[in-house]
C-alpha atoms as a PDB file:
ATOM      1  CA  MET A   1      -0.061  -0.082  -0.013  1.00  0.00           C
ATOM      2  CA  THR A   2       1.327   3.411  -0.821  1.00  0.00           C
ATOM      3  CA  VAL A   3       1.525   6.372   1.451  1.00  0.00           C
ATOM      4  CA  LYS A   4      -1.333   8.088  -0.497  1.00  0.00           C
ATOM      5  CA  ASN A   5      -3.463   4.987  -0.601  1.00  0.00           C
ATOM      6  CA  LEU A   6      -3.032   4.542   3.032  1.00  0.00           C
ATOM      7  CA  GLU A   7      -3.769   8.152   3.760  1.00  0.00           C
ATOM      8  CA  ASN A   8      -7.346   7.668   1.208  1.00  0.00           C
ATOM      9  CA  THR A   9      -8.266   4.716   3.438  1.00  0.00           C
ATOM     10  CA  LEU A  10      -7.857   6.291   6.575  1.00  0.00           C
ATOM     11  CA  SER A  11      -9.692   9.470   5.607  1.00  0.00           C
ATOM     12  CA  THR A  12     -12.893   7.197   4.545  1.00  0.00           C
ATOM     13  CA  HIS A  13     -12.423   5.372   7.977  1.00  0.00           C
ATOM     14  CA  LEU A  14     -12.269   8.846   9.759  1.00  0.00           C
ATOM     15  CA  ILE A  15     -15.729  10.207   7.853  1.00  0.00           C
ATOM     16  CA  ASN A  16     -17.132   6.975   8.413  1.00  0.00           C
ATOM     17  CA  THR A  17     -16.553   6.902  12.263  1.00  0.00           C
ATOM     18  CA  ALA A  18     -17.867  10.513  12.358  1.00  0.00           C
ATOM     19  CA  SER A  19     -21.299   9.670  11.030  1.00  0.00           C
ATOM     20  CA  CYS A  20     -21.727   6.744  13.575  1.00  0.00           C
ATOM     21  CA  ILE A  21     -24.402   7.005  15.937  1.00  0.00           C
ATOM     22  CA  TYR A  22     -22.776   6.746  19.325  1.00  0.00           C
ATOM     23  CA  SER A  23     -24.299   7.508  22.993  1.00  0.00           C
ATOM     24  CA  GLY A  24     -21.562   5.957  25.492  1.00  0.00           C
ATOM     25  CA  ASN A  25     -18.517   7.654  26.933  1.00  0.00           C
ATOM     26  CA  PRO A  26     -17.206  10.178  24.372  1.00  0.00           C
ATOM     27  CA  MET A  27     -13.718   9.147  25.183  1.00  0.00           C
ATOM     28  CA  TYR A  28     -14.218   6.011  23.350  1.00  0.00           C
ATOM     29  CA  HIS A  29     -16.250   7.416  20.493  1.00  0.00           C
ATOM     30  CA  PRO A  30     -15.146   5.498  17.094  1.00  0.00           C
ATOM     31  CA  VAL A  31     -13.765   8.455  15.849  1.00  0.00           C
ATOM     32  CA  VAL A  32     -11.609   8.846  18.963  1.00  0.00           C
ATOM     33  CA  ILE A  33     -10.370   5.144  18.357  1.00  0.00           C
ATOM     34  CA  THR A  34      -9.674   5.400  14.672  1.00  0.00           C
ATOM     35  CA  ASN A  35      -7.754   8.964  15.077  1.00  0.00           C
ATOM     36  CA  ALA A  36      -5.694   7.155  17.700  1.00  0.00           C
ATOM     37  CA  VAL A  37      -4.810   4.181  15.745  1.00  0.00           C
ATOM     38  CA  LYS A  38      -4.310   6.498  12.860  1.00  0.00           C
ATOM     39  CA  ASN A  39      -1.499   8.355  14.695  1.00  0.00           C
ATOM     40  CA  ILE A  40       0.394   5.055  15.941  1.00  0.00           C
ATOM     41  CA  LEU A  41       0.197   3.924  12.157  1.00  0.00           C
ATOM     42  CA  GLY A  42       1.868   7.209  11.182  1.00  0.00           C
ATOM     43  CA  ASP A  43       5.216   5.386  12.541  1.00  0.00           C
ATOM     44  CA  THR A  44       5.183   2.721   9.712  1.00  0.00           C
ATOM     45  CA  ARG A  45       3.221   4.594   6.928  1.00  0.00           C
ATOM     46  CA  SER A  46       5.299   3.302   4.083  1.00  0.00           C
ATOM     47  CA  ASN A  47       4.504  -0.296   5.517  1.00  0.00           C
ATOM     48  CA  PRO A  48       1.291  -0.064   7.709  1.00  0.00           C
ATOM     49  CA  SER A  49       0.255  -2.662   9.784  1.00  0.00           C
ATOM     50  CA  ASN A  50      -2.595  -5.067   8.142  1.00  0.00           C
ATOM     51  CA  ASN A  51      -3.588  -5.958  11.696  1.00  0.00           C
ATOM     52  CA  LEU A  52      -4.118  -2.371  12.617  1.00  0.00           C
ATOM     53  CA  LEU A  53      -6.213  -1.311   9.677  1.00  0.00           C
ATOM     54  CA  GLU A  54      -8.180  -4.427   9.783  1.00  0.00           C
ATOM     55  CA  PHE A  55      -8.891  -3.529  13.252  1.00  0.00           C
ATOM     56  CA  ILE A  56     -10.250   0.079  12.468  1.00  0.00           C
ATOM     57  CA  ASP A  57     -12.108  -1.461   9.261  1.00  0.00           C
ATOM     58  CA  LYS A  58     -13.867  -3.755  11.794  1.00  0.00           C
ATOM     59  CA  HIS A  59     -14.350  -1.623  14.868  1.00  0.00           C
ATOM     60  CA  TYR A  60     -16.966   0.662  14.006  1.00  0.00           C
ATOM     61  CA  GLN A  61     -18.964  -1.767  11.501  1.00  0.00           C
ATOM     62  CA  PRO A  62     -21.694  -2.857  14.129  1.00  0.00           C
ATOM     63  CA  PHE A  63     -22.372   1.006  14.925  1.00  0.00           C
ATOM     64  CA  GLU A  64     -25.560   2.470  12.949  1.00  0.00           C
ATOM     65  CA  LYS A  65     -24.621   5.313  10.961  1.00  0.00           C
ATOM     66  CA  ARG A  66     -26.760   8.771  10.722  1.00  0.00           C
ATOM     67  CA  SER A  67     -28.400   9.107   7.500  1.00  0.00           C
ATOM     68  CA  ASN A  68     -30.324  12.273   7.691  1.00  0.00           C
ATOM     69  CA  ASP A  69     -27.770  14.984   8.707  1.00  0.00           C
ATOM     70  CA  ASN A  70     -28.519  17.131   5.501  1.00  0.00           C
ATOM     71  CA  ILE A  71     -32.373  17.316   6.637  1.00  0.00           C
ATOM     72  CA  TYR A  72     -31.292  20.113   9.092  1.00  0.00           C
ATOM     73  CA  LEU A  73     -29.917  22.013   5.896  1.00  0.00           C
ATOM     74  CA  GLN A  74     -33.130  21.422   3.868  1.00  0.00           C
ATOM     75  CA  ASN A  75     -35.371  22.664   6.386  1.00  0.00           C
ATOM     76  CA  ILE A  76     -33.825  26.008   6.331  1.00  0.00           C
ATOM     77  CA  ASP A  77     -35.962  28.418   4.318  1.00  0.00           C
ATOM     78  CA  LYS A  78     -33.769  30.300   1.721  1.00  0.00           C
ATOM     79  CA  LYS A  79     -34.899  33.570   3.330  1.00  0.00           C
ATOM     80  CA  GLU A  80     -33.611  32.576   6.458  1.00  0.00           C
ATOM     81  CA  ILE A  81     -30.242  32.192   5.121  1.00  0.00           C
ATOM     82  CA  GLY A  82     -29.841  35.849   4.470  1.00  0.00           C
ATOM     83  CA  LEU A  83     -30.532  36.766   8.258  1.00  0.00           C
ATOM     84  CA  THR A  84     -28.081  37.691  10.576  1.00  0.00           C
ATOM     85  CA  ALA A  85     -26.860  34.305  12.148  1.00  0.00           C
ATOM     86  CA  PHE A  86     -25.003  34.697  15.615  1.00  0.00           C
ATOM     87  CA  ILE A  87     -22.913  31.993  17.089  1.00  0.00           C
ATOM     88  CA  SER A  88     -24.254  33.360  20.385  1.00  0.00           C
ATOM     89  CA  ASP A  89     -27.607  31.960  19.614  1.00  0.00           C
ATOM     90  CA  LEU A  90     -26.297  28.355  18.907  1.00  0.00           C
ATOM     91  CA  GLU A  91     -23.900  28.724  22.205  1.00  0.00           C
ATOM     92  CA  ASP A  92     -27.103  29.744  24.188  1.00  0.00           C
ATOM     93  CA  ALA A  93     -29.466  26.786  22.431  1.00  0.00           C
ATOM     94  CA  CYS A  94     -26.611  24.210  23.346  1.00  0.00           C
ATOM     95  CA  GLN A  95     -26.145  25.693  26.624  1.00  0.00           C
ATOM     96  CA  ASN A  96     -29.748  25.082  27.589  1.00  0.00           C
ATOM     97  CA  ALA A  97     -29.886  21.563  26.100  1.00  0.00           C
ATOM     98  CA  ASP A  98     -32.433  23.064  23.399  1.00  0.00           C
ATOM     99  CA  LYS A  99     -31.482  20.599  20.777  1.00  0.00           C
ATOM    100  CA  ALA A 100     -33.862  21.549  17.950  1.00  0.00           C
ATOM    101  CA  ASN A 101     -32.769  25.349  18.218  1.00  0.00           C
ATOM    102  CA  ALA A 102     -29.171  24.431  18.095  1.00  0.00           C
ATOM    103  CA  GLN A 103     -29.703  22.298  15.038  1.00  0.00           C
ATOM    104  CA  LYS A 104     -31.474  25.132  13.271  1.00  0.00           C
ATOM    105  CA  HIS A 105     -28.939  27.853  14.228  1.00  0.00           C
ATOM    106  CA  LEU A 106     -26.082  25.622  13.279  1.00  0.00           C
ATOM    107  CA  ALA A 107     -27.531  25.319  10.020  1.00  0.00           C
ATOM    108  CA  ARG A 108     -28.218  28.882   9.345  1.00  0.00           C
ATOM    109  CA  ILE A 109     -24.674  29.711  10.467  1.00  0.00           C
ATOM    110  CA  TYR A 110     -23.161  27.012   8.148  1.00  0.00           C
ATOM    111  CA  LEU A 111     -25.119  27.934   5.193  1.00  0.00           C
ATOM    112  CA  ALA A 112     -24.610  32.099   5.679  1.00  0.00           C
ATOM    113  CA  SER A 113     -20.589  31.197   6.370  1.00  0.00           C
ATOM    114  CA  ASP A 114     -20.323  28.654   3.212  1.00  0.00           C
ATOM    115  CA  GLY A 115     -19.602  26.050   5.617  1.00  0.00           C
ATOM    116  CA  SER A 116     -16.688  27.576   7.668  1.00  0.00           C
ATOM    117  CA  PRO A 117     -14.670  25.129   9.561  1.00  0.00           C
ATOM    118  CA  VAL A 118     -14.143  27.379  12.086  1.00  0.00           C
ATOM    119  CA  ILE A 119     -17.831  26.595  13.322  1.00  0.00           C
ATOM    120  CA  LEU A 120     -16.345  23.303  14.356  1.00  0.00           C
ATOM    121  CA  GLN A 121     -14.028  25.023  17.019  1.00  0.00           C
ATOM    122  CA  ASN A 122     -16.982  27.147  18.227  1.00  0.00           C
ATOM    123  CA  LEU A 123     -18.599  23.473  19.234  1.00  0.00           C
ATOM    124  CA  ALA A 124     -15.352  22.346  20.327  1.00  0.00           C
ATOM    125  CA  GLU A 125     -15.052  25.302  22.966  1.00  0.00           C
ATOM    126  CA  LEU A 126     -18.520  24.514  24.330  1.00  0.00           C
ATOM    127  CA  GLY A 127     -17.746  20.885  24.547  1.00  0.00           C
ATOM    128  CA  LEU A 128     -14.304  21.876  26.656  1.00  0.00           C
ATOM    129  CA  GLN A 129     -16.625  23.185  29.265  1.00  0.00           C
ATOM    130  CA  ASN A 130     -16.900  19.620  30.559  1.00  0.00           C
ATOM    131  CA  ILE A 131     -13.042  18.729  29.911  1.00  0.00           C
ATOM    132  CA  GLU A 132     -13.381  15.355  32.000  1.00  0.00           C
ATOM    133  CA  GLU A 133     -15.806  14.074  29.762  1.00  0.00           C
ATOM    134  CA  ASN A 134     -15.407  15.662  26.302  1.00  0.00           C
ATOM    135  CA  GLY A 135     -11.586  16.361  26.540  1.00  0.00           C
ATOM    136  CA  SER A 136     -10.242  13.728  24.481  1.00  0.00           C
ATOM    137  CA  PHE A 137     -13.180  13.537  22.205  1.00  0.00           C
ATOM    138  CA  ILE A 138     -12.790  16.997  21.114  1.00  0.00           C
ATOM    139  CA  TYR A 139      -9.240  16.707  20.329  1.00  0.00           C
ATOM    140  CA  HIS A 140      -9.363  13.722  18.529  1.00  0.00           C
ATOM    141  CA  CYS A 141     -12.492  14.788  16.359  1.00  0.00           C
ATOM    142  CA  LEU A 142     -10.644  18.031  15.517  1.00  0.00           C
ATOM    143  CA  ARG A 143      -7.572  15.922  14.316  1.00  0.00           C
ATOM    144  CA  ALA A 144      -9.424  13.635  12.511  1.00  0.00           C
ATOM    145  CA  PHE A 145     -11.384  16.401  10.239  1.00  0.00           C
ATOM    146  CA  ALA A 146      -8.181  17.989   9.992  1.00  0.00           C
ATOM    147  CA  PHE A 147      -6.342  14.982   8.418  1.00  0.00           C
ATOM    148  CA  ALA A 148      -8.911  15.319   5.509  1.00  0.00           C
ATOM    149  CA  PRO A 149     -10.436  19.193   5.791  1.00  0.00           C
ATOM    150  CA  GLU A 150     -12.566  18.859   2.593  1.00  0.00           C
ATOM    151  CA  LYS A 151     -15.505  21.286   2.693  1.00  0.00           C
ATOM    152  CA  GLU A 152     -17.972  18.607   2.092  1.00  0.00           C
ATOM    153  CA  ARG A 153     -16.959  16.747   5.306  1.00  0.00           C
ATOM    154  CA  ILE A 154     -17.525  19.658   7.534  1.00  0.00           C
ATOM    155  CA  TRP A 155     -20.951  19.356   8.186  1.00  0.00           C
ATOM    156  CA  ILE A 156     -20.633  15.643   9.215  1.00  0.00           C
ATOM    157  CA  PHE A 157     -18.107  16.434  11.547  1.00  0.00           C
ATOM    158  CA  LEU A 158     -20.506  19.326  13.117  1.00  0.00           C
ATOM    159  CA  GLN A 159     -23.178  16.559  13.658  1.00  0.00           C
ATOM    160  CA  CYS A 160     -20.713  14.454  15.254  1.00  0.00           C
ATOM    161  CA  VAL A 161     -19.479  16.883  17.822  1.00  0.00           C
ATOM    162  CA  LEU A 162     -23.257  18.435  18.291  1.00  0.00           C
ATOM    163  CA  HIS A 163     -24.629  14.867  19.082  1.00  0.00           C
ATOM    164  CA  VAL A 164     -21.905  14.375  21.622  1.00  0.00           C
ATOM    165  CA  LEU A 165     -22.621  17.720  23.133  1.00  0.00           C
ATOM    166  CA  PHE A 166     -26.297  16.851  23.804  1.00  0.00           C
ATOM    167  CA  ASN A 167     -25.129  13.259  25.520  1.00  0.00           C
ATOM    168  CA  LYS A 168     -25.030  15.345  28.901  1.00  0.00           C
ATOM    169  CA  LYS A 169     -25.951  18.920  29.842  1.00  0.00           C
ATOM    170  CA  LEU A 170     -23.019  21.418  29.671  1.00  0.00           C
ATOM    171  CA  PRO A 171     -21.628  23.164  32.694  1.00  0.00           C
ATOM    172  CA  LYS A 172     -21.725  27.004  32.418  1.00  0.00           C
ATOM    173  CA  PRO A 173     -18.552  28.493  30.819  1.00  0.00           C
ATOM    174  CA  HIS A 174     -15.398  28.587  33.300  1.00  0.00           C
ATOM    175  CA  LYS A 175     -13.439  31.930  34.028  1.00  0.00           C
ATOM    176  CA  SER A 176      -9.795  31.337  32.838  1.00  0.00           C
ATOM    177  CA  VAL A 177      -7.280  31.164  35.529  1.00  0.00           C
ATOM    178  CA  ASN A 178      -3.354  31.261  35.960  1.00  0.00           C
ATOM    179  CA  ILE A 179      -2.350  27.691  35.949  1.00  0.00           C
ATOM    180  CA  GLU A 180      -0.064  27.223  39.229  1.00  0.00           C
ATOM    181  CA  SER A 181       2.308  25.034  37.227  1.00  0.00           C
ATOM    182  CA  LEU A 182       3.266  24.907  33.424  1.00  0.00           C
ATOM    183  CA  ASP A 183       5.404  22.020  33.603  1.00  0.00           C
ATOM    184  CA  ILE A 184       3.998  19.146  31.617  1.00  0.00           C
ATOM    185  CA  ASN A 185       6.212  16.809  32.967  1.00  0.00           C
ATOM    186  CA  MET A 186       4.885  16.919  36.518  1.00  0.00           C
ATOM    187  CA  PHE A 187       1.531  16.644  35.004  1.00  0.00           C
ATOM    188  CA  ILE A 188       2.454  13.541  33.296  1.00  0.00           C
ATOM    189  CA  ILE A 189       4.182  11.736  36.123  1.00  0.00           C
ATOM    190  CA  ASN A 190       1.389  12.513  37.950  1.00  0.00           C
ATOM    191  CA  SER A 191      -1.335  10.773  36.105  1.00  0.00           C
ATOM    192  CA  ASN A 192      -1.878   7.218  36.562  1.00  0.00           C
ATOM    193  CA  SER A 193      -5.138   6.170  35.300  1.00  0.00           C
ATOM    194  CA  PRO A 194      -6.074   5.903  31.517  1.00  0.00           C
ATOM    195  CA  LYS A 195      -8.752   8.806  31.755  1.00  0.00           C
ATOM    196  CA  GLU A 196      -6.095  10.909  33.552  1.00  0.00           C
ATOM    197  CA  LEU A 197      -3.553  10.203  30.756  1.00  0.00           C
ATOM    198  CA  ASN A 198      -5.913  10.477  27.776  1.00  0.00           C
ATOM    199  CA  THR A 199      -7.462  13.768  29.037  1.00  0.00           C
ATOM    200  CA  LEU A 200      -4.053  15.282  29.673  1.00  0.00           C
ATOM    201  CA  ALA A 201      -2.547  14.062  26.534  1.00  0.00           C
ATOM    202  CA  SER A 202      -5.481  15.766  24.545  1.00  0.00           C
ATOM    203  CA  VAL A 203      -5.825  19.155  26.123  1.00  0.00           C
ATOM    204  CA  TRP A 204      -2.159  19.633  26.307  1.00  0.00           C
ATOM    205  CA  ARG A 205      -2.160  19.172  22.419  1.00  0.00           C
ATOM    206  CA  LEU A 206      -5.003  21.647  22.159  1.00  0.00           C
ATOM    207  CA  TRP A 207      -3.339  24.118  24.479  1.00  0.00           C
ATOM    208  CA  GLU A 208       0.077  23.985  22.345  1.00  0.00           C
ATOM    209  CA  SER A 209      -2.029  24.452  19.013  1.00  0.00           C
ATOM    210  CA  ASP A 210      -3.053  27.405  16.713  1.00  0.00           C
ATOM    211  CA  TYR A 211      -6.544  27.050  16.410  1.00  0.00           C
ATOM    212  CA  THR A 212      -8.752  29.916  15.871  1.00  0.00           C
ATOM    213  CA  ARG A 213     -10.570  29.702  19.109  1.00  0.00           C
ATOM    214  CA  LEU A 214      -7.322  29.138  20.968  1.00  0.00           C
ATOM    215  CA  SER A 215      -8.131  31.658  23.535  1.00  0.00           C
ATOM    216  CA  GLY A 216     -11.366  30.094  24.450  1.00  0.00           C
ATOM    217  CA  PHE A 217      -9.974  26.664  24.440  1.00  0.00           C
ATOM    218  CA  LYS A 218      -7.210  27.694  27.063  1.00  0.00           C
ATOM    219  CA  ARG A 219      -9.804  29.548  29.209  1.00  0.00           C
ATOM    220  CA  GLU A 220     -11.565  26.056  29.717  1.00  0.00           C
ATOM    221  CA  ILE A 221      -8.161  24.453  29.904  1.00  0.00           C
ATOM    222  CA  SER A 222      -6.629  26.677  32.492  1.00  0.00           C
ATOM    223  CA  PHE A 223      -9.511  26.223  34.596  1.00  0.00           C
ATOM    224  CA  TRP A 224      -9.134  22.437  34.431  1.00  0.00           C
ATOM    225  CA  ALA A 225      -5.516  22.243  34.639  1.00  0.00           C
ATOM    226  CA  ASN A 226      -5.483  24.423  37.966  1.00  0.00           C
ATOM    227  CA  LYS A 227      -7.954  22.283  39.546  1.00  0.00           C
ATOM    228  CA  TYR A 228      -6.469  19.032  38.371  1.00  0.00           C
ATOM    229  CA  TYR A 229      -2.775  20.018  39.378  1.00  0.00           C
ATOM    230  CA  ASN A 230      -4.043  20.681  42.930  1.00  0.00           C
ATOM    231  CA  GLU A 231      -5.406  16.886  43.346  1.00  0.00           C
ATOM    232  CA  GLN A 232      -2.372  15.229  42.375  1.00  0.00           C
ATOM    233  CA  GLU A 233       0.326  13.174  44.513  1.00  0.00           C
ATOM    234  CA  ILE A 234       3.588  12.617  43.174  1.00  0.00           C
ATOM    235  CA  ASN A 235       4.239   9.287  41.621  1.00  0.00           C
ATOM    236  CA  THR A 236       7.863   8.574  40.931  1.00  0.00           C
ATOM    237  CA  ASN A 237       7.671   4.735  39.682  1.00  0.00           C
ATOM    238  CA  GLU A 238       9.817   4.133  36.808  1.00  0.00           C
ATOM    239  CA  GLN A 239      10.981   1.617  34.372  1.00  0.00           C
ATOM    240  CA  ASN A 240      14.126   1.085  32.039  1.00  0.00           C
ATOM    241  CA  PRO A 241      13.655   3.548  29.016  1.00  0.00           C
ATOM    242  CA  ASP A 242      15.836   2.011  26.483  1.00  0.00           C
ATOM    243  CA  ALA A 243      13.130   1.216  24.247  1.00  0.00           C
ATOM    244  CA  LEU A 244      11.721   4.681  24.120  1.00  0.00           C
ATOM    245  CA  ASN A 245      15.257   5.932  23.528  1.00  0.00           C
ATOM    246  CA  ASN A 246      15.411   3.600  20.621  1.00  0.00           C
ATOM    247  CA  TYR A 247      12.041   4.468  19.390  1.00  0.00           C
ATOM    248  CA  LEU A 248      12.752   8.256  19.693  1.00  0.00           C
ATOM    249  CA  ASN A 249      16.244   7.686  17.813  1.00  0.00           C
ATOM    250  CA  ASN A 250      15.047   5.350  14.912  1.00  0.00           C
ATOM    251  CA  GLN A 251      11.176   6.039  14.562  1.00  0.00           C
ATOM    252  CA  ASN A 252      10.669   2.406  14.644  1.00  0.00           C
ATOM    253  CA  ASP A 253       7.611   0.313  15.017  1.00  0.00           C
ATOM    254  CA  TYR A 254       7.595  -0.167  18.863  1.00  0.00           C
ATOM    255  CA  PHE A 255       4.038   1.420  19.397  1.00  0.00           C
ATOM    256  CA  VAL A 256       2.647  -0.341  16.357  1.00  0.00           C
ATOM    257  CA  LEU A 257       3.720  -3.758  17.908  1.00  0.00           C
ATOM    258  CA  LEU A 258       2.438  -2.930  21.102  1.00  0.00           C
ATOM    259  CA  ALA A 259      -1.290  -1.513  19.650  1.00  0.00           C
ATOM    260  CA  GLU A 260      -0.917  -5.054  17.942  1.00  0.00           C
ATOM    261  CA  GLU A 261      -0.367  -6.745  21.035  1.00  0.00           C
ATOM    262  CA  ILE A 262      -3.325  -5.133  22.551  1.00  0.00           C
ATOM    263  CA  ILE A 263      -5.687  -5.898  19.770  1.00  0.00           C
ATOM    264  CA  GLN A 264      -4.703  -9.660  19.961  1.00  0.00           C
ATOM    265  CA  SER A 265      -5.224  -9.901  23.646  1.00  0.00           C
ATOM    266  CA  ASN A 266      -8.885  -8.742  23.104  1.00  0.00           C
ATOM    267  CA  ILE A 267      -8.939  -6.962  26.939  1.00  0.00           C
ATOM    268  CA  GLU A 268     -10.009  -3.559  27.073  1.00  0.00           C
ATOM    269  CA  ILE A 269      -8.824  -2.786  23.643  1.00  0.00           C
ATOM    270  CA  ASP A 270     -10.237   0.581  22.894  1.00  0.00           C
ATOM    271  CA  GLU A 271      -9.190   2.160  26.388  1.00  0.00           C
ATOM    272  CA  ARG A 272      -5.845   0.448  25.938  1.00  0.00           C
ATOM    273  CA  LEU A 273      -5.175   1.778  22.516  1.00  0.00           C
ATOM    274  CA  ILE A 274      -6.180   5.279  23.302  1.00  0.00           C
ATOM    275  CA  THR A 275      -3.897   5.314  26.365  1.00  0.00           C
ATOM    276  CA  LEU A 276      -1.029   3.523  24.282  1.00  0.00           C
ATOM    277  CA  GLU A 277      -1.393   6.756  21.712  1.00  0.00           C
ATOM    278  CA  SER A 278      -1.476   9.325  24.476  1.00  0.00           C
ATOM    279  CA  LEU A 279       1.842   7.657  25.852  1.00  0.00           C
ATOM    280  CA  ARG A 280       3.584   7.491  22.696  1.00  0.00           C
ATOM    281  CA  TYR A 281       2.608  11.375  22.512  1.00  0.00           C
ATOM    282  CA  PHE A 282       4.114  11.678  26.147  1.00  0.00           C
ATOM    283  CA  THR A 283       7.331   9.940  24.839  1.00  0.00           C
ATOM    284  CA  LYS A 284       7.898  12.634  22.170  1.00  0.00           C
ATOM    285  CA  ARG A 285       6.994  15.582  24.685  1.00  0.00           C
ATOM    286  CA  VAL A 286       8.376  14.895  28.126  1.00  0.00           C
ATOM    287  CA  ASP A 287      12.178  15.884  28.982  1.00  0.00           C
ATOM    288  CA  ILE A 288      14.410  12.999  28.255  1.00  0.00           C
ATOM    289  CA  LYS A 289      14.835  12.188  32.036  1.00  0.00           C
ATOM    290  CA  TYR A 290      11.309  11.599  32.563  1.00  0.00           C
ATOM    291  CA  LEU A 291      10.994   8.678  29.986  1.00  0.00           C
ATOM    292  CA  PRO A 292      11.599   6.072  32.965  1.00  0.00           C
ATOM    293  CA  ALA A 293       8.088   7.385  34.241  1.00  0.00           C
ATOM    294  CA  VAL A 294       6.439   6.842  30.881  1.00  0.00           C
ATOM    295  CA  ALA A 295       8.163   3.660  30.233  1.00  0.00           C
ATOM    296  CA  HIS A 296       6.594   2.314  33.401  1.00  0.00           C
ATOM    297  CA  LYS A 297       3.115   3.467  32.585  1.00  0.00           C
ATOM    298  CA  ILE A 298       3.518   1.632  29.199  1.00  0.00           C
ATOM    299  CA  ASN A 299       4.751  -1.371  31.232  1.00  0.00           C
ATOM    300  CA  SER A 300       1.580  -1.007  33.413  1.00  0.00           C
ATOM    301  CA  LEU A 301      -0.685  -0.733  30.392  1.00  0.00           C
ATOM    302  CA  MET A 302       0.681  -4.058  28.514  1.00  0.00           C
ATOM    303  CA  LYS A 303       0.613  -5.712  31.801  1.00  0.00           C
ATOM    304  CA  ILE A 304      -3.208  -5.874  31.743  1.00  0.00           C
END
C-alpha cells in the first residue's frame, strides 16, 4: 500500500466513524479510536500494519450510521439564510439543552458562512466546558477532520460533535485562571489512570495548537488544569526507558507492535489503544529524564 492509498483509506474510515450513532462515553467514540490508531500507524506509514488497518475497519462496523444529517440544512428556508446568524444563539441553545434550536442555528450559521470550518471550533469550545467528559473526544475529532479537511466533510463532523454535546448537559463556561504550574512533566508523572492520561494528552495538545478559537480553549483548559494539578500526588515509579530511547532515535515500529499486542489480547482494547497513543505523545513530549516514568506507565498498560 502506498502512503497516498493509506491516507485515502484512513480518510474514509475517519468520515465513516464521524457518522456513527454513539451515545456512550465520548472518550471511546469510534472517531477517537480510529484517530488514535491512525496516529500510531504514522510510525510505519510506508509499510502499515495490516492488523491495525483490519481493526479500524471492523471496529466501527457494528455502529449504525446517521443518514439524515442534511435534513437540518434542507429545512432552512432560503429567506432565513440571508438573516443575521449569531454564534451566541447556537451557544445559548446548546447551553440550554435545546437541540432543535441548536440544529436550526447551526444550519443557518453553516449556510451563511459557506461552510466555514471555524464553526467546528466553536462547538469544540463548548465541549471543553466539560473537559473530564469531552476533552479527548474534542481533540481527536478536530484532528480527524484536519486529516482530510474537505468542505463536504464539515457538516458531518459538526453533527458528530453536536450529538455528543447533547449526551450530557453542559456546565456553564468557566473563567480563565492562572495555572499554578505549566510544567507538563509534572502533570504527566502524576497521571496514572487511563482517563487522566488520555485527557491530559488531549488538552495539552490543544493548548499548544494554533486554532482560531485557542483563547477559548485555553480559558477552559486553564480552569481544569489548575484544579487537576492541585489534586495530584507525586508518583515516581520508573522503568528502563531503553526501548523509548530507541524509538525516539530510530522512529521504529515500537508502538505499532504494542498496539497489535493489545488487539490480540482482546482485553479492554479501546481504552488501552487510546492510552497507548497518549503515551506515544508523552514519549515525544517529556524531558528525556522523565522517560523512565513514561516507560513504567507503558509497562503497566501492557501487563493488563
